[in-house]
């Protein structure tokens, strides 16, 4: 029998929610952990990028000059400083519905929590 699985990740940073959102989306390539477990084709991957706005894509880039690569997800909700949601283009994972990618003020810190709404086995 295959049961639904879930994973989550959370980080607190010493910046305001809008700055945290910007760093999470605009600087994805700077914090995305390199290695074969985090890329579909780690031998070819040169970057991980997030295109802004609903309908934007999360891409595993294979050619920096052309931007050619693999679309790994499509943005379904874009609320800077509050919430980000996406639907995987390569598997059955959906990051949606609060608090699945919630960015919130925690006093002097900002928390960013990510939890998929579903992972199909």
N, C-alpha and C. Protein backbone atom coordinates (compact mmCIF):
# COMPACT_ATOMS: atom_id res chain seq x y z
N UNK A 1 0.84 -1.17 0.00
CA UNK A 1 0.00 0.00 0.00
C UNK A 1 0.89 1.24 0.00
N UNK A 2 0.55 2.19 -0.86
CA UNK A 2 1.29 3.44 -0.93
C UNK A 2 0.54 4.54 -0.18
N UNK A 3 1.17 5.10 0.83
CA UNK A 3 0.56 6.18 1.60
C UNK A 3 1.15 7.51 1.15
N UNK A 4 0.36 8.56 1.30
CA UNK A 4 0.86 9.89 0.97
C UNK A 4 1.99 10.24 1.93
N UNK A 5 2.98 10.95 1.41
CA UNK A 5 4.12 11.36 2.23
C UNK A 5 4.17 12.88 2.27
N UNK A 6 4.89 13.40 3.24
CA UNK A 6 5.07 14.85 3.28
C UNK A 6 6.46 15.18 3.81
N UNK A 7 6.94 16.32 3.43
CA UNK A 7 8.20 16.85 3.91
C UNK A 7 7.99 18.33 4.16
N UNK A 8 8.85 18.91 4.97
CA UNK A 8 8.75 20.35 5.18
C UNK A 8 10.13 20.90 5.51
N UNK A 9 10.26 22.20 5.36
CA UNK A 9 11.50 22.88 5.67
C UNK A 9 11.15 24.27 6.17
N UNK A 10 11.94 24.77 7.09
CA UNK A 10 11.67 26.08 7.64
C UNK A 10 12.98 26.78 7.96
N UNK A 11 13.01 28.09 7.74
CA UNK A 11 14.20 28.88 8.03
C UNK A 11 13.76 30.23 8.56
N UNK A 12 14.55 30.78 9.48
CA UNK A 12 14.31 32.12 9.99
C UNK A 12 15.49 32.99 9.61
N UNK A 13 15.20 34.18 9.12
CA UNK A 13 16.24 35.10 8.68
C UNK A 13 16.01 36.47 9.31
N UNK A 14 17.07 37.23 9.48
CA UNK A 14 16.99 38.54 10.14
C UNK A 14 16.73 39.66 9.14
N UNK A 15 15.67 39.52 8.35
CA UNK A 15 15.23 40.55 7.40
C UNK A 15 13.71 40.61 7.41
N UNK A 16 13.16 41.67 6.80
CA UNK A 16 11.71 41.80 6.73
C UNK A 16 11.14 40.81 5.70
N UNK A 17 9.82 40.53 5.75
CA UNK A 17 9.21 39.55 4.83
C UNK A 17 9.42 39.83 3.35
N UNK A 18 9.34 41.08 2.91
CA UNK A 18 9.52 41.37 1.47
C UNK A 18 10.94 41.08 1.02
N UNK A 19 11.92 41.38 1.88
CA UNK A 19 13.32 41.09 1.54
C UNK A 19 13.53 39.58 1.49
N UNK A 20 12.94 38.85 2.45
CA UNK A 20 13.06 37.38 2.46
C UNK A 20 12.44 36.79 1.19
N UNK A 21 11.27 37.29 0.79
CA UNK A 21 10.61 36.81 -0.42
C UNK A 21 11.49 37.06 -1.63
N UNK A 22 12.06 38.26 -1.72
CA UNK A 22 12.93 38.60 -2.84
C UNK A 22 14.15 37.69 -2.90
N UNK A 23 14.77 37.45 -1.74
CA UNK A 23 15.95 36.58 -1.71
C UNK A 23 15.57 35.16 -2.10
N UNK A 24 14.42 34.70 -1.63
CA UNK A 24 13.97 33.34 -1.92
C UNK A 24 13.71 33.15 -3.41
N UNK A 25 13.13 34.16 -4.06
CA UNK A 25 12.75 34.02 -5.46
C UNK A 25 13.80 34.54 -6.44
N UNK A 26 14.33 35.73 -6.19
CA UNK A 26 15.28 36.35 -7.12
C UNK A 26 16.69 35.78 -7.02
N UNK A 27 17.02 35.22 -5.87
CA UNK A 27 18.37 34.71 -5.65
C UNK A 27 18.39 33.20 -5.43
N UNK A 28 17.43 32.51 -6.02
CA UNK A 28 17.30 31.07 -5.85
C UNK A 28 18.61 30.33 -6.17
N UNK A 29 19.30 30.77 -7.20
CA UNK A 29 20.53 30.10 -7.59
C UNK A 29 21.63 30.23 -6.53
N UNK A 30 21.55 31.25 -5.69
CA UNK A 30 22.58 31.45 -4.66
C UNK A 30 22.40 30.53 -3.46
N UNK A 31 21.16 30.16 -3.13
CA UNK A 31 20.95 29.32 -1.95
C UNK A 31 20.58 27.87 -2.29
N UNK A 32 20.22 27.58 -3.54
CA UNK A 32 19.84 26.21 -3.91
C UNK A 32 21.06 25.30 -3.74
N UNK A 33 20.91 24.25 -2.98
CA UNK A 33 22.02 23.34 -2.68
C UNK A 33 22.39 22.54 -3.93
N UNK A 34 23.65 22.62 -4.32
CA UNK A 34 24.15 21.89 -5.48
C UNK A 34 24.30 20.41 -5.16
N UNK A 35 24.15 19.58 -6.16
CA UNK A 35 24.35 18.15 -5.99
C UNK A 35 23.30 17.35 -6.72
N UNK A 36 23.58 16.08 -6.95
CA UNK A 36 22.68 15.23 -7.74
C UNK A 36 21.31 15.02 -7.12
N UNK A 37 21.18 15.13 -5.81
CA UNK A 37 19.87 14.91 -5.19
C UNK A 37 18.93 16.10 -5.42
N UNK A 38 19.47 17.27 -5.74
CA UNK A 38 18.66 18.47 -5.87
C UNK A 38 18.46 18.96 -7.30
N UNK A 39 18.94 18.21 -8.27
CA UNK A 39 18.76 18.55 -9.68
C UNK A 39 18.34 17.31 -10.45
N UNK A 40 17.58 17.50 -11.52
CA UNK A 40 17.21 16.37 -12.37
C UNK A 40 18.38 15.95 -13.23
N UNK A 41 19.23 16.90 -13.63
CA UNK A 41 20.44 16.59 -14.41
C UNK A 41 21.58 17.46 -13.86
N UNK A 42 22.13 17.04 -12.73
CA UNK A 42 23.15 17.84 -12.04
C UNK A 42 24.41 18.02 -12.87
N UNK A 43 24.70 17.10 -13.79
CA UNK A 43 25.90 17.23 -14.62
C UNK A 43 25.78 18.40 -15.59
N UNK A 44 24.57 18.72 -16.02
CA UNK A 44 24.35 19.81 -16.97
C UNK A 44 23.88 21.11 -16.32
N UNK A 45 23.33 21.04 -15.13
CA UNK A 45 22.74 22.22 -14.50
C UNK A 45 23.78 23.29 -14.19
N UNK A 46 23.47 24.52 -14.61
CA UNK A 46 24.35 25.65 -14.32
C UNK A 46 23.66 26.67 -13.42
N UNK A 47 22.35 26.55 -13.25
CA UNK A 47 21.62 27.49 -12.40
C UNK A 47 20.22 26.98 -12.09
N UNK A 48 19.62 27.55 -11.05
CA UNK A 48 18.21 27.34 -10.70
C UNK A 48 17.61 28.73 -10.60
N UNK A 49 16.56 29.00 -11.39
CA UNK A 49 15.97 30.33 -11.42
C UNK A 49 14.45 30.27 -11.24
N UNK A 50 13.91 31.37 -10.73
CA UNK A 50 12.47 31.52 -10.54
C UNK A 50 12.01 32.74 -11.30
N UNK A 51 11.13 32.55 -12.28
CA UNK A 51 10.56 33.67 -13.01
C UNK A 51 9.41 34.26 -12.19
N UNK A 52 9.36 35.59 -12.05
CA UNK A 52 8.36 36.21 -11.18
C UNK A 52 6.94 36.15 -11.71
N UNK A 53 5.99 36.15 -10.77
CA UNK A 53 4.57 36.25 -11.08
C UNK A 53 3.87 34.93 -11.33
N UNK A 54 2.54 34.97 -11.23
CA UNK A 54 1.73 33.80 -11.52
C UNK A 54 1.97 33.41 -12.97
N UNK A 55 2.23 32.14 -13.21
CA UNK A 55 2.55 31.65 -14.55
C UNK A 55 4.04 31.58 -14.79
N UNK A 56 4.84 32.22 -13.91
CA UNK A 56 6.29 32.13 -14.02
C UNK A 56 6.75 30.69 -13.80
N UNK A 57 7.97 30.42 -14.19
CA UNK A 57 8.48 29.05 -14.08
C UNK A 57 9.66 28.99 -13.11
N UNK A 58 9.84 27.84 -12.49
CA UNK A 58 11.07 27.53 -11.78
C UNK A 58 11.83 26.62 -12.73
N UNK A 59 13.04 27.05 -13.08
CA UNK A 59 13.81 26.36 -14.11
C UNK A 59 15.13 25.82 -13.59
N UNK A 60 15.49 24.65 -14.09
CA UNK A 60 16.83 24.10 -13.93
C UNK A 60 17.52 24.44 -15.25
N UNK A 61 18.41 25.42 -15.20
CA UNK A 61 19.03 25.95 -16.42
C UNK A 61 20.25 25.12 -16.81
N UNK A 62 20.33 24.74 -18.10
CA UNK A 62 21.44 23.96 -18.62
C UNK A 62 22.37 24.80 -19.51
N UNK A 63 21.87 25.91 -20.04
CA UNK A 63 22.67 26.77 -20.90
C UNK A 63 22.47 28.21 -20.44
N UNK A 64 23.49 28.78 -19.80
CA UNK A 64 23.39 30.13 -19.25
C UNK A 64 23.15 31.18 -20.34
N UNK A 65 23.71 30.99 -21.52
CA UNK A 65 23.58 31.96 -22.60
C UNK A 65 22.16 32.03 -23.15
N UNK A 66 21.51 30.87 -23.30
CA UNK A 66 20.17 30.84 -23.90
C UNK A 66 19.05 30.72 -22.86
N UNK A 67 19.40 30.29 -21.65
CA UNK A 67 18.39 30.05 -20.62
C UNK A 67 17.69 28.72 -20.79
N UNK A 68 18.14 27.91 -21.75
CA UNK A 68 17.55 26.59 -22.03
C UNK A 68 17.71 25.68 -20.81
N UNK A 69 16.65 24.95 -20.53
CA UNK A 69 16.71 24.03 -19.41
C UNK A 69 15.40 23.31 -19.20
N UNK A 70 15.21 22.81 -18.02
CA UNK A 70 14.03 22.03 -17.66
C UNK A 70 13.11 22.85 -16.78
N UNK A 71 11.84 22.98 -17.17
CA UNK A 71 10.84 23.61 -16.31
C UNK A 71 10.50 22.60 -15.22
N UNK A 72 10.78 22.94 -13.97
CA UNK A 72 10.48 22.02 -12.88
C UNK A 72 9.19 22.38 -12.16
N UNK A 73 8.73 23.64 -12.31
CA UNK A 73 7.48 24.04 -11.67
C UNK A 73 6.92 25.29 -12.33
N UNK A 74 5.62 25.53 -12.07
CA UNK A 74 4.92 26.70 -12.57
C UNK A 74 4.32 27.43 -11.37
N UNK A 75 4.55 28.74 -11.26
CA UNK A 75 4.06 29.55 -10.15
C UNK A 75 2.53 29.66 -10.23
N UNK A 76 1.85 29.36 -9.10
CA UNK A 76 0.38 29.43 -9.05
C UNK A 76 -0.12 30.54 -8.13
N UNK A 77 0.73 31.03 -7.24
CA UNK A 77 0.37 32.17 -6.37
C UNK A 77 1.63 32.98 -6.12
N UNK A 78 1.51 34.30 -6.19
CA UNK A 78 2.66 35.20 -6.05
C UNK A 78 2.21 36.41 -5.23
N UNK A 79 2.54 36.41 -3.96
CA UNK A 79 2.19 37.50 -3.06
C UNK A 79 3.45 37.91 -2.30
N UNK A 80 4.24 38.83 -2.90
CA UNK A 80 5.52 39.22 -2.29
C UNK A 80 5.40 39.58 -0.81
N UNK A 81 6.29 38.99 -0.03
CA UNK A 81 6.31 39.22 1.40
C UNK A 81 5.31 38.40 2.19
N UNK A 82 4.50 37.59 1.50
CA UNK A 82 3.46 36.81 2.17
C UNK A 82 3.45 35.33 1.80
N UNK A 83 3.29 35.07 0.52
CA UNK A 83 3.04 33.68 0.11
C UNK A 83 3.48 33.43 -1.33
N UNK A 84 3.99 32.24 -1.56
CA UNK A 84 4.39 31.77 -2.88
C UNK A 84 3.89 30.33 -3.02
N UNK A 85 3.33 30.00 -4.17
CA UNK A 85 2.88 28.62 -4.39
C UNK A 85 3.24 28.21 -5.81
N UNK A 86 3.50 26.91 -5.99
CA UNK A 86 3.81 26.40 -7.32
C UNK A 86 3.34 24.97 -7.47
N UNK A 87 3.20 24.56 -8.71
CA UNK A 87 2.80 23.20 -9.08
C UNK A 87 3.95 22.61 -9.86
N UNK A 88 4.41 21.44 -9.44
CA UNK A 88 5.52 20.77 -10.12
C UNK A 88 5.14 20.43 -11.56
N UNK A 89 6.09 20.58 -12.45
CA UNK A 89 5.90 20.20 -13.86
C UNK A 89 6.49 18.82 -14.14
N UNK A 90 7.15 18.22 -13.14
CA UNK A 90 7.86 16.96 -13.37
C UNK A 90 7.41 15.82 -12.45
N UNK A 91 6.58 16.11 -11.46
CA UNK A 91 6.09 15.04 -10.59
C UNK A 91 4.75 15.48 -9.98
N UNK A 92 4.28 14.77 -8.99
CA UNK A 92 2.96 15.03 -8.42
C UNK A 92 3.00 15.88 -7.16
N UNK A 93 3.94 16.79 -7.05
CA UNK A 93 4.06 17.63 -5.87
C UNK A 93 3.47 19.00 -6.16
N UNK A 94 2.67 19.48 -5.22
CA UNK A 94 2.11 20.81 -5.33
C UNK A 94 2.39 21.57 -4.05
N UNK A 95 2.98 22.74 -4.18
CA UNK A 95 3.23 23.62 -3.06
C UNK A 95 2.15 24.69 -3.17
N UNK A 96 1.12 24.59 -2.34
CA UNK A 96 0.01 25.52 -2.44
C UNK A 96 -0.70 25.61 -1.10
N UNK A 97 -1.80 26.33 -1.05
CA UNK A 97 -2.62 26.48 0.14
C UNK A 97 -1.80 26.86 1.37
N UNK A 98 -2.12 27.97 2.01
CA UNK A 98 -1.38 28.36 3.21
C UNK A 98 -1.37 27.21 4.21
N UNK A 99 -0.30 27.00 4.94
CA UNK A 99 0.91 27.81 4.96
C UNK A 99 2.02 27.21 4.13
N UNK A 100 1.74 26.56 3.04
CA UNK A 100 2.76 25.76 2.35
C UNK A 100 4.02 26.50 1.94
N UNK A 101 3.94 27.71 1.51
CA UNK A 101 5.14 28.52 1.39
C UNK A 101 4.75 29.88 1.92
N UNK A 102 4.89 30.02 3.21
CA UNK A 102 4.44 31.21 3.91
C UNK A 102 5.64 31.98 4.41
N UNK A 103 5.64 33.27 4.15
CA UNK A 103 6.70 34.14 4.64
C UNK A 103 6.05 35.11 5.61
N UNK A 104 6.47 35.10 6.88
CA UNK A 104 5.81 35.91 7.89
C UNK A 104 6.82 36.54 8.83
N UNK A 105 6.44 37.67 9.38
CA UNK A 105 7.28 38.37 10.34
C UNK A 105 7.21 37.66 11.69
N UNK A 106 8.37 37.45 12.30
CA UNK A 106 8.46 36.84 13.62
C UNK A 106 9.20 37.81 14.54
N UNK A 107 8.70 39.01 14.65
CA UNK A 107 9.39 40.03 15.43
C UNK A 107 10.58 40.54 14.64
N UNK A 108 11.79 40.35 15.15
CA UNK A 108 13.00 40.81 14.46
C UNK A 108 13.39 39.87 13.32
N UNK A 109 12.78 38.69 13.26
CA UNK A 109 13.10 37.71 12.23
C UNK A 109 11.94 37.53 11.27
N UNK A 110 12.22 36.92 10.15
CA UNK A 110 11.18 36.52 9.21
C UNK A 110 11.29 35.01 9.04
N UNK A 111 10.17 34.32 9.09
CA UNK A 111 10.15 32.88 8.89
C UNK A 111 9.64 32.53 7.52
N UNK A 112 10.26 31.54 6.91
CA UNK A 112 9.81 31.02 5.63
C UNK A 112 9.61 29.52 5.81
N UNK A 113 8.38 29.07 5.73
CA UNK A 113 8.06 27.66 5.91
C UNK A 113 7.55 27.10 4.59
N UNK A 114 8.05 25.94 4.21
CA UNK A 114 7.61 25.28 2.97
C UNK A 114 7.16 23.87 3.30
N UNK A 115 5.96 23.53 2.87
CA UNK A 115 5.44 22.18 3.06
C UNK A 115 4.51 21.85 1.88
N UNK A 116 4.81 20.79 1.13
CA UNK A 116 3.93 20.41 0.03
C UNK A 116 2.55 20.03 0.51
N UNK A 117 1.53 20.36 -0.28
CA UNK A 117 0.17 19.94 0.09
C UNK A 117 -0.04 18.47 -0.23
N UNK A 118 0.75 17.95 -1.17
CA UNK A 118 0.63 16.51 -1.46
C UNK A 118 1.88 16.02 -2.17
N UNK A 119 2.25 14.81 -1.85
CA UNK A 119 3.32 14.12 -2.57
C UNK A 119 2.76 12.75 -2.87
N UNK A 120 2.54 12.48 -4.13
CA UNK A 120 2.01 11.17 -4.50
C UNK A 120 3.15 10.17 -4.58
N UNK A 121 2.95 8.98 -4.04
CA UNK A 121 4.01 7.96 -4.09
C UNK A 121 4.25 7.46 -5.50
